[in-house]
Amino acid sequence: MDLPEGDYTLAASLPEALGRYGTARKDVTVARDAQGHIAMGKAE
């Protein structure tokens, strides 16, 4: 919630899995539309 616009890097992991998964990263951008509203960044 409530992030300033800009470029972000997300890092996902499952710490309780005891190494059964690695870490994955994803870049996502938060921007504003022509009306100044936040254009939500989406990441799978």
All heavy atoms as atom14 arrays in JSON, in Angstrom:
{
  "sequence": "MDLPEGDYTLAASLPEALGRYGTARKDVTVARDAQGHIAMGKAE",
  "atom14_mask": [
    [1, 1, 1, 1, 1, 1, 1, 1, 0, 0, 0, 0, 0, 0],
    [1, 1, 1, 1, 1, 1, 1, 1, 0, 0, 0, 0, 0, 0],
    [1, 1, 1, 1, 1, 1, 1, 1, 0, 0, 0, 0, 0, 0],
    [1, 1, 1, 1, 1, 1, 1, 0, 0, 0, 0, 0, 0, 0],
    [1, 1, 1, 1, 1, 1, 1, 1, 1, 0, 0, 0, 0, 0],
    [1, 1, 1, 1, 0, 0, 0, 0, 0, 0, 0, 0, 0, 0],
    [1, 1, 1, 1, 1, 1, 1, 1, 0, 0, 0, 0, 0, 0],
    [1, 1, 1, 1, 1, 1, 1, 1, 1, 1, 1, 1, 0, 0],
    [1, 1, 1, 1, 1, 1, 1, 0, 0, 0, 0, 0, 0, 0],
    [1, 1, 1, 1, 1, 1, 1, 1, 0, 0, 0, 0, 0, 0],
    [1, 1, 1, 1, 1, 0, 0, 0, 0, 0, 0, 0, 0, 0],
    [1, 1, 1, 1, 1, 0, 0, 0, 0, 0, 0, 0, 0, 0],
    [1, 1, 1, 1, 1, 1, 0, 0, 0, 0, 0, 0, 0, 0],
    [1, 1, 1, 1, 1, 1, 1, 1, 0, 0, 0, 0, 0, 0],
    [1, 1, 1, 1, 1, 1, 1, 0, 0, 0, 0, 0, 0, 0],
    [1, 1, 1, 1, 1, 1, 1, 1, 1, 0, 0, 0, 0, 0],
    [1, 1, 1, 1, 1, 0, 0, 0, 0, 0, 0, 0, 0, 0],
    [1, 1, 1, 1, 1, 1, 1, 1, 0, 0, 0, 0, 0, 0],
    [1, 1, 1, 1, 0, 0, 0, 0, 0, 0, 0, 0, 0, 0],
    [1, 1, 1, 1, 1, 1, 1, 1, 1, 1, 1, 0, 0, 0],
    [1, 1, 1, 1, 1, 1, 1, 1, 1, 1, 1, 1, 0, 0],
    [1, 1, 1, 1, 0, 0, 0, 0, 0, 0, 0, 0, 0, 0],
    [1, 1, 1, 1, 1, 1, 1, 0, 0, 0, 0, 0, 0, 0],
    [1, 1, 1, 1, 1, 0, 0, 0, 0, 0, 0, 0, 0, 0],
    [1, 1, 1, 1, 1, 1, 1, 1, 1, 1, 1, 0, 0, 0],
    [1, 1, 1, 1, 1, 1, 1, 1, 1, 0, 0, 0, 0, 0],
    [1, 1, 1, 1, 1, 1, 1, 1, 0, 0, 0, 0, 0, 0],
    [1, 1, 1, 1, 1, 1, 1, 0, 0, 0, 0, 0, 0, 0],
    [1, 1, 1, 1, 1, 1, 1, 0, 0, 0, 0, 0, 0, 0],
    [1, 1, 1, 1, 1, 1, 1, 0, 0, 0, 0, 0, 0, 0],
    [1, 1, 1, 1, 1, 0, 0, 0, 0, 0, 0, 0, 0, 0],
    [1, 1, 1, 1, 1, 1, 1, 1, 1, 1, 1, 0, 0, 0],
    [1, 1, 1, 1, 1, 1, 1, 1, 0, 0, 0, 0, 0, 0],
    [1, 1, 1, 1, 1, 0, 0, 0, 0, 0, 0, 0, 0, 0],
    [1, 1, 1, 1, 1, 1, 1, 1, 1, 0, 0, 0, 0, 0],
    [1, 1, 1, 1, 0, 0, 0, 0, 0, 0, 0, 0, 0, 0],
    [1, 1, 1, 1, 1, 1, 1, 1, 1, 1, 0, 0, 0, 0],
    [1, 1, 1, 1, 1, 1, 1, 1, 0, 0, 0, 0, 0, 0],
    [1, 1, 1, 1, 1, 0, 0, 0, 0, 0, 0, 0, 0, 0],
    [1, 1, 1, 1, 1, 1, 1, 1, 0, 0, 0, 0, 0, 0],
    [1, 1, 1, 1, 0, 0, 0, 0, 0, 0, 0, 0, 0, 0],
    [1, 1, 1, 1, 1, 1, 1, 1, 1, 0, 0, 0, 0, 0],
    [1, 1, 1, 1, 1, 0, 0, 0, 0, 0, 0, 0, 0, 0],
    [1, 1, 1, 1, 1, 1, 1, 1, 1, 0, 0, 0, 0, 0]
  ],
  "atom14_positions": [
    [[0.83, -1.21, 0.0], [0.0, 0.0, 0.0], [0.86, 1.26, 0.0], [1.99, 1.27, 0.52], [-0.9, 0.03, 1.24], [-1.76, -1.2, 1.45], [-3.19, -1.25, 0.38], [-4.15, 0.11, 1.05], [0.0, 0.0, 0.0], [0.0, 0.0, 0.0], [0.0, 0.0, 0.0], [0.0, 0.0, 0.0], [0.0, 0.0, 0.0], [0.0, 0.0, 0.0]],
    [[0.3, 2.33, -0.57], [0.78, 3.7, -0.35], [2.26, 3.87, -0.65], [3.04, 4.33, 0.2], [0.49, 4.12, 1.09], [-0.98, 4.01, 1.43], [-1.81, 4.24, 0.54], [-1.3, 3.67, 2.58], [0.0, 0.0, 0.0], [0.0, 0.0, 0.0], [0.0, 0.0, 0.0], [0.0, 0.0, 0.0], [0.0, 0.0, 0.0], [0.0, 0.0, 0.0]],
    [[2.66, 3.5, -1.86], [4.06, 3.65, -2.26], [4.2, 4.85, -3.2], [3.29, 5.14, -3.99], [4.56, 2.4, -2.98], [4.53, 1.1, -2.19], [4.96, -0.06, -3.09], [5.42, 1.18, -0.96], [0.0, 0.0, 0.0], [0.0, 0.0, 0.0], [0.0, 0.0, 0.0], [0.0, 0.0, 0.0], [0.0, 0.0, 0.0], [0.0, 0.0, 0.0]],
    [[5.32, 5.53, -3.16], [5.55, 6.59, -4.14], [5.83, 5.99, -5.51], [6.25, 4.84, -5.62], [6.79, 7.32, -3.58], [7.52, 6.27, -2.82], [6.45, 5.4, -2.22], [0.0, 0.0, 0.0], [0.0, 0.0, 0.0], [0.0, 0.0, 0.0], [0.0, 0.0, 0.0], [0.0, 0.0, 0.0], [0.0, 0.0, 0.0], [0.0, 0.0, 0.0]],
    [[5.6, 6.78, -6.54], [5.86, 6.27, -7.89], [7.35, 6.04, -8.08], [8.2, 6.66, -7.45], [5.33, 7.25, -8.92], [5.9, 8.66, -8.81], [5.12, 9.64, -9.65], [5.24, 9.58, -10.89], [4.39, 10.45, -9.06], [0.0, 0.0, 0.0], [0.0, 0.0, 0.0], [0.0, 0.0, 0.0], [0.0, 0.0, 0.0], [0.0, 0.0, 0.0]],
    [[7.65, 5.09, -8.96], [9.05, 4.76, -9.23], [9.23, 3.28, -9.52], [8.27, 2.52, -9.61], [0.0, 0.0, 0.0], [0.0, 0.0, 0.0], [0.0, 0.0, 0.0], [0.0, 0.0, 0.0], [0.0, 0.0, 0.0], [0.0, 0.0, 0.0], [0.0, 0.0, 0.0], [0.0, 0.0, 0.0], [0.0, 0.0, 0.0], [0.0, 0.0, 0.0]],
    [[10.48, 2.89, -9.67], [10.82, 1.5, -9.99], [11.19, 0.75, -8.72], [11.95, 1.24, -7.88], [12.01, 1.46, -10.97], [11.66, 2.09, -12.31], [10.5, 1.95, -12.74], [12.55, 2.72, -12.92], [0.0, 0.0, 0.0], [0.0, 0.0, 0.0], [0.0, 0.0, 0.0], [0.0, 0.0, 0.0], [0.0, 0.0, 0.0], [0.0, 0.0, 0.0]],
    [[10.64, -0.47, -8.63], [10.86, -1.31, -7.45], [11.36, -2.69, -7.88], [11.06, -3.16, -8.99], [9.55, -1.49, -6.66], [9.05, -0.23, -6.02], [8.33, 0.72, -6.76], [9.29, 0.03, -4.67], [7.87, 1.88, -6.17], [8.82, 1.2, -4.08], [8.12, 2.11, -4.84], [7.67, 3.27, -4.24], [0.0, 0.0, 0.0], [0.0, 0.0, 0.0]],
    [[12.11, -3.32, -6.97], [12.48, -4.72, -7.15], [11.94, -5.51, -5.97], [12.17, -5.14, -4.81], [14.02, -4.9, -7.22], [14.52, -4.17, -8.34], [14.38, -6.37, -7.38], [0.0, 0.0, 0.0], [0.0, 0.0, 0.0], [0.0, 0.0, 0.0], [0.0, 0.0, 0.0], [0.0, 0.0, 0.0], [0.0, 0.0, 0.0], [0.0, 0.0, 0.0]],
    [[11.18, -6.57, -6.28], [10.62, -7.44, -5.25], [11.41, -8.73, -5.19], [11.79, -9.29, -6.22], [9.15, -7.76, -5.57], [8.22, -6.58, -5.86], [6.82, -7.09, -6.14], [8.21, -5.59, -4.72], [0.0, 0.0, 0.0], [0.0, 0.0, 0.0], [0.0, 0.0, 0.0], [0.0, 0.0, 0.0], [0.0, 0.0, 0.0], [0.0, 0.0, 0.0]],
    [[11.64, -9.22, -3.98], [12.3, -10.5, -3.77], [11.35, -11.41, -3.01], [10.87, -11.06, -1.93], [13.6, -10.32, -2.99], [0.0, 0.0, 0.0], [0.0, 0.0, 0.0], [0.0, 0.0, 0.0], [0.0, 0.0, 0.0], [0.0, 0.0, 0.0], [0.0, 0.0, 0.0], [0.0, 0.0, 0.0], [0.0, 0.0, 0.0], [0.0, 0.0, 0.0]],
    [[11.05, -12.58, -3.58], [10.11, -13.53, -2.96], [10.86, -14.79, -2.54], [11.75, -15.27, -3.24], [8.99, -13.88, -3.93], [0.0, 0.0, 0.0], [0.0, 0.0, 0.0], [0.0, 0.0, 0.0], [0.0, 0.0, 0.0], [0.0, 0.0, 0.0], [0.0, 0.0, 0.0], [0.0, 0.0, 0.0], [0.0, 0.0, 0.0], [0.0, 0.0, 0.0]],
    [[10.46, -15.34, -1.4], [11.08, -16.56, -0.89], [10.08, -17.26, 0.02], [8.99, -16.75, 0.3], [12.37, -16.24, -0.11], [12.08, -15.42, 1.01], [0.0, 0.0, 0.0], [0.0, 0.0, 0.0], [0.0, 0.0, 0.0], [0.0, 0.0, 0.0], [0.0, 0.0, 0.0], [0.0, 0.0, 0.0], [0.0, 0.0, 0.0], [0.0, 0.0, 0.0]],
    [[10.45, -18.44, 0.48], [9.63, -19.19, 1.44], [10.58, -19.68, 2.53], [11.04, -20.83, 2.52], [8.93, -20.37, 0.75], [7.81, -21.06, 1.53], [6.69, -20.08, 1.86], [7.25, -22.24, 0.73], [0.0, 0.0, 0.0], [0.0, 0.0, 0.0], [0.0, 0.0, 0.0], [0.0, 0.0, 0.0], [0.0, 0.0, 0.0], [0.0, 0.0, 0.0]],
    [[10.9, -18.8, 3.5], [11.95, -19.11, 4.49], [11.7, -20.38, 5.28], [12.64, -21.1, 5.62], [11.93, -17.87, 5.39], [11.35, -16.78, 4.56], [10.34, -17.45, 3.68], [0.0, 0.0, 0.0], [0.0, 0.0, 0.0], [0.0, 0.0, 0.0], [0.0, 0.0, 0.0], [0.0, 0.0, 0.0], [0.0, 0.0, 0.0], [0.0, 0.0, 0.0]],
    [[10.43, -20.67, 5.59], [10.13, -21.84, 6.43], [10.26, -23.16, 5.67], [10.13, -24.24, 6.26], [8.72, -21.73, 7.01], [8.55, -20.64, 8.06], [8.46, -19.24, 7.46], [8.24, -19.15, 6.23], [8.64, -18.26, 8.21], [0.0, 0.0, 0.0], [0.0, 0.0, 0.0], [0.0, 0.0, 0.0], [0.0, 0.0, 0.0], [0.0, 0.0, 0.0]],
    [[10.53, -23.12, 4.38], [10.58, -24.34, 3.57], [11.93, -25.05, 3.65], [12.12, -26.07, 2.99], [10.26, -24.02, 2.12], [0.0, 0.0, 0.0], [0.0, 0.0, 0.0], [0.0, 0.0, 0.0], [0.0, 0.0, 0.0], [0.0, 0.0, 0.0], [0.0, 0.0, 0.0], [0.0, 0.0, 0.0], [0.0, 0.0, 0.0], [0.0, 0.0, 0.0]],
    [[12.87, -24.52, 4.43], [14.16, -25.17, 4.65], [14.89, -25.47, 3.35], [15.39, -26.57, 3.12], [13.97, -26.47, 5.45], [13.31, -26.32, 6.83], [13.08, -27.68, 7.47], [14.16, -25.45, 7.73], [0.0, 0.0, 0.0], [0.0, 0.0, 0.0], [0.0, 0.0, 0.0], [0.0, 0.0, 0.0], [0.0, 0.0, 0.0], [0.0, 0.0, 0.0]],
    [[14.95, -24.49, 2.48], [15.69, -24.64, 1.24], [14.97, -25.38, 0.14], [15.55, -25.67, -0.9], [0.0, 0.0, 0.0], [0.0, 0.0, 0.0], [0.0, 0.0, 0.0], [0.0, 0.0, 0.0], [0.0, 0.0, 0.0], [0.0, 0.0, 0.0], [0.0, 0.0, 0.0], [0.0, 0.0, 0.0], [0.0, 0.0, 0.0], [0.0, 0.0, 0.0]],
    [[13.68, -25.67, 0.33], [12.93, -26.38, -0.72], [12.56, -25.46, -1.88], [12.07, -25.92, -2.91], [11.67, -27.01, -0.12], [11.99, -28.11, 0.89], [10.74, -28.62, 1.58], [11.07, -29.52, 2.67], [11.14, -30.84, 2.56], [10.88, -31.41, 1.39], [11.45, -31.59, 3.59], [0.0, 0.0, 0.0], [0.0, 0.0, 0.0], [0.0, 0.0, 0.0]],
    [[12.76, -24.16, -1.7], [12.57, -23.19, -2.78], [13.74, -22.22, -2.77], [14.29, -21.9, -1.72], [11.27, -22.41, -2.61], [10.02, -23.16, -2.96], [9.32, -23.86, -1.97], [9.53, -23.18, -4.26], [8.16, -24.56, -2.28], [8.37, -23.87, -4.57], [7.69, -24.55, -3.59], [6.56, -25.24, -3.9], [0.0, 0.0, 0.0], [0.0, 0.0, 0.0]],
    [[14.07, -21.71, -3.95], [15.04, -20.64, -4.06], [14.33, -19.3, -3.97], [13.13, -19.21, -3.7], [0.0, 0.0, 0.0], [0.0, 0.0, 0.0], [0.0, 0.0, 0.0], [0.0, 0.0, 0.0], [0.0, 0.0, 0.0], [0.0, 0.0, 0.0], [0.0, 0.0, 0.0], [0.0, 0.0, 0.0], [0.0, 0.0, 0.0], [0.0, 0.0, 0.0]],
    [[15.08, -18.23, -4.21], [14.54, -16.87, -4.19], [14.32, -16.39, -5.62], [15.12, -16.69, -6.51], [15.5, -15.93, -3.45], [15.65, -16.37, -2.1], [14.99, -14.5, -3.45], [0.0, 0.0, 0.0], [0.0, 0.0, 0.0], [0.0, 0.0, 0.0], [0.0, 0.0, 0.0], [0.0, 0.0, 0.0], [0.0, 0.0, 0.0], [0.0, 0.0, 0.0]],
    [[13.25, -15.67, -5.84], [12.96, -15.1, -7.16], [12.78, -13.6, -7.03], [12.3, -13.11, -6.0], [11.7, -15.73, -7.75], [0.0, 0.0, 0.0], [0.0, 0.0, 0.0], [0.0, 0.0, 0.0], [0.0, 0.0, 0.0], [0.0, 0.0, 0.0], [0.0, 0.0, 0.0], [0.0, 0.0, 0.0], [0.0, 0.0, 0.0], [0.0, 0.0, 0.0]],
    [[13.17, -12.87, -8.08], [13.06, -11.41, -8.07], [12.25, -10.93, -9.26], [12.23, -11.57, -10.31], [14.45, -10.77, -8.07], [15.17, -10.93, -6.73], [16.58, -10.39, -6.75], [17.14, -10.36, -5.42], [17.62, -11.43, -4.78], [17.6, -12.61, -5.38], [18.09, -11.34, -3.55], [0.0, 0.0, 0.0], [0.0, 0.0, 0.0], [0.0, 0.0, 0.0]],
    [[11.6, -9.8, -9.06], [10.76, -9.23, -10.12], [10.81, -7.72, -10.03], [10.67, -7.14, -8.95], [9.31, -9.7, -9.93], [8.38, -9.35, -11.06], [8.52, -10.33, -12.21], [7.44, -10.12, -13.25], [7.52, -11.11, -14.34], [0.0, 0.0, 0.0], [0.0, 0.0, 0.0], [0.0, 0.0, 0.0], [0.0, 0.0, 0.0], [0.0, 0.0, 0.0]],
    [[11.0, -7.07, -11.18], [10.97, -5.61, -11.25], [9.55, -5.16, -11.58], [8.87, -5.77, -12.43], [11.94, -5.1, -12.32], [13.39, -5.39, -11.96], [13.71, -5.39, -10.76], [14.19, -5.6, -12.89], [0.0, 0.0, 0.0], [0.0, 0.0, 0.0], [0.0, 0.0, 0.0], [0.0, 0.0, 0.0], [0.0, 0.0, 0.0], [0.0, 0.0, 0.0]],
    [[9.11, -4.1, -10.94], [7.76, -3.58, -11.18], [7.8, -2.06, -11.01], [8.6, -1.53, -10.23], [6.74, -4.23, -10.2], [7.1, -3.91, -8.76], [5.32, -3.78, -10.51], [0.0, 0.0, 0.0], [0.0, 0.0, 0.0], [0.0, 0.0, 0.0], [0.0, 0.0, 0.0], [0.0, 0.0, 0.0], [0.0, 0.0, 0.0], [0.0, 0.0, 0.0]],
    [[6.95, -1.38, -11.76], [6.92, 0.08, -11.73], [5.58, 0.59, -11.21], [4.52, 0.09, -11.63], [7.17, 0.66, -13.14], [8.48, 0.25, -13.58], [7.1, 2.18, -13.13], [0.0, 0.0, 0.0], [0.0, 0.0, 0.0], [0.0, 0.0, 0.0], [0.0, 0.0, 0.0], [0.0, 0.0, 0.0], [0.0, 0.0, 0.0], [0.0, 0.0, 0.0]],
    [[5.64, 1.54, -10.31], [4.45, 2.25, -9.83], [4.45, 3.62, -10.51], [5.42, 4.36, -10.44], [4.47, 2.42, -8.3], [3.28, 3.24, -7.84], [4.48, 1.06, -7.62], [0.0, 0.0, 0.0], [0.0, 0.0, 0.0], [0.0, 0.0, 0.0], [0.0, 0.0, 0.0], [0.0, 0.0, 0.0], [0.0, 0.0, 0.0], [0.0, 0.0, 0.0]],
    [[3.35, 3.92, -11.21], [3.28, 5.19, -11.96], [1.97, 5.9, -11.65], [1.14, 5.42, -10.87], [3.4, 4.89, -13.46], [0.0, 0.0, 0.0], [0.0, 0.0, 0.0], [0.0, 0.0, 0.0], [0.0, 0.0, 0.0], [0.0, 0.0, 0.0], [0.0, 0.0, 0.0], [0.0, 0.0, 0.0], [0.0, 0.0, 0.0], [0.0, 0.0, 0.0]],
    [[1.79, 7.04, -12.25], [0.54, 7.8, -12.12], [-0.04, 8.03, -13.52], [0.69, 8.23, -14.49], [0.78, 9.15, -11.43], [1.12, 9.01, -9.96], [1.24, 10.37, -9.29], [1.6, 10.24, -7.88], [0.73, 10.07, -6.89], [-0.57, 10.05, -7.18], [1.12, 9.95, -5.65], [0.0, 0.0, 0.0], [0.0, 0.0, 0.0], [0.0, 0.0, 0.0]],
    [[-1.36, 7.98, -13.59], [-2.02, 8.23, -14.87], [-2.17, 9.73, -15.11], [-1.7, 10.56, -14.32], [-3.36, 7.5, -14.94], [-4.35, 7.96, -13.87], [-4.2, 9.08, -13.35], [-5.28, 7.19, -13.56], [0.0, 0.0, 0.0], [0.0, 0.0, 0.0], [0.0, 0.0, 0.0], [0.0, 0.0, 0.0], [0.0, 0.0, 0.0], [0.0, 0.0, 0.0]],
    [[-2.87, 10.08, -16.18], [-3.01, 11.5, -16.56], [-3.75, 12.31, -15.51], [-3.58, 13.53, -15.42], [-3.71, 11.6, -17.91], [0.0, 0.0, 0.0], [0.0, 0.0, 0.0], [0.0, 0.0, 0.0], [0.0, 0.0, 0.0], [0.0, 0.0, 0.0], [0.0, 0.0, 0.0], [0.0, 0.0, 0.0], [0.0, 0.0, 0.0], [0.0, 0.0, 0.0]],
    [[-4.59, 11.63, -14.73], [-5.34, 12.33, -13.68], [-4.59, 12.38, -12.35], [-5.11, 12.88, -11.35], [-6.7, 11.66, -13.46], [-7.71, 11.86, -14.6], [-7.34, 11.08, -15.84], [-6.95, 9.91, -15.74], [-7.45, 11.71, -17.0], [0.0, 0.0, 0.0], [0.0, 0.0, 0.0], [0.0, 0.0, 0.0], [0.0, 0.0, 0.0], [0.0, 0.0, 0.0]],
    [[-3.38, 11.82, -12.33], [-2.6, 11.83, -11.11], [-2.88, 10.68, -10.17], [-2.37, 10.64, -9.04], [0.0, 0.0, 0.0], [0.0, 0.0, 0.0], [0.0, 0.0, 0.0], [0.0, 0.0, 0.0], [0.0, 0.0, 0.0], [0.0, 0.0, 0.0], [0.0, 0.0, 0.0], [0.0, 0.0, 0.0], [0.0, 0.0, 0.0], [0.0, 0.0, 0.0]],
    [[-3.7, 9.73, -10.61], [-4.0, 8.56, -9.78], [-2.92, 7.5, -9.93], [-2.33, 7.35, -11.01], [-5.37, 7.97, -10.17], [-6.48, 8.94, -10.06], [-7.48, 9.05, -11.0], [-6.76, 9.89, -9.12], [-8.33, 9.99, -10.66], [-7.91, 10.52, -9.51], [0.0, 0.0, 0.0], [0.0, 0.0, 0.0], [0.0, 0.0, 0.0], [0.0, 0.0, 0.0]],
    [[-2.7, 6.76, -8.86], [-1.7, 5.69, -8.9], [-2.14, 4.6, -9.88], [-3.26, 4.09, -9.83], [-1.5, 5.07, -7.5], [-0.69, 6.03, -6.63], [-0.78, 3.72, -7.58], [0.75, 6.2, -7.07], [0.0, 0.0, 0.0], [0.0, 0.0, 0.0], [0.0, 0.0, 0.0], [0.0, 0.0, 0.0], [0.0, 0.0, 0.0], [0.0, 0.0, 0.0]],
    [[-1.24, 4.26, -10.8], [-1.45, 3.13, -11.71], [-0.73, 1.93, -11.09], [0.5, 1.87, -11.07], [-0.9, 3.44, -13.09], [0.0, 0.0, 0.0], [0.0, 0.0, 0.0], [0.0, 0.0, 0.0], [0.0, 0.0, 0.0], [0.0, 0.0, 0.0], [0.0, 0.0, 0.0], [0.0, 0.0, 0.0], [0.0, 0.0, 0.0], [0.0, 0.0, 0.0]],
    [[-1.49, 1.02, -10.53], [-0.94, -0.09, -9.75], [0.02, -0.95, -10.57], [-0.27, -1.32, -11.7], [-2.09, -0.96, -9.23], [-1.65, -2.11, -8.35], [-3.09, -3.04, -7.77], [-3.72, -3.72, -9.31], [0.0, 0.0, 0.0], [0.0, 0.0, 0.0], [0.0, 0.0, 0.0], [0.0, 0.0, 0.0], [0.0, 0.0, 0.0], [0.0, 0.0, 0.0]],
    [[1.16, -1.26, -9.97], [2.09, -2.19, -10.58], [1.69, -3.62, -10.26], [1.25, -3.91, -9.16], [0.0, 0.0, 0.0], [0.0, 0.0, 0.0], [0.0, 0.0, 0.0], [0.0, 0.0, 0.0], [0.0, 0.0, 0.0], [0.0, 0.0, 0.0], [0.0, 0.0, 0.0], [0.0, 0.0, 0.0], [0.0, 0.0, 0.0], [0.0, 0.0, 0.0]],
    [[1.82, -4.5, -11.24], [1.42, -5.9, -11.06], [2.62, -6.81, -11.26], [3.46, -6.56, -12.12], [0.31, -6.27, -12.04], [-0.96, -5.46, -11.86], [-2.02, -5.87, -12.87], [-3.28, -5.04, -12.71], [-4.33, -5.42, -13.7], [0.0, 0.0, 0.0], [0.0, 0.0, 0.0], [0.0, 0.0, 0.0], [0.0, 0.0, 0.0], [0.0, 0.0, 0.0]],
    [[2.67, -7.88, -10.45], [3.82, -8.78, -10.53], [3.41, -10.2, -10.18], [2.83, -10.44, -9.1], [4.92, -8.32, -9.57], [0.0, 0.0, 0.0], [0.0, 0.0, 0.0], [0.0, 0.0, 0.0], [0.0, 0.0, 0.0], [0.0, 0.0, 0.0], [0.0, 0.0, 0.0], [0.0, 0.0, 0.0], [0.0, 0.0, 0.0], [0.0, 0.0, 0.0]],
    [[3.68, -11.13, -11.08], [3.56, -12.56, -10.76], [4.97, -13.11, -10.61], [5.8, -12.96, -11.52], [2.8, -13.32, -11.86], [2.62, -14.8, -11.52], [1.68, -15.51, -12.45], [2.17, -15.99, -13.5], [0.48, -15.59, -12.16], [0.0, 0.0, 0.0], [0.0, 0.0, 0.0], [0.0, 0.0, 0.0], [0.0, 0.0, 0.0], [0.0, 0.0, 0.0]]
  ]
}
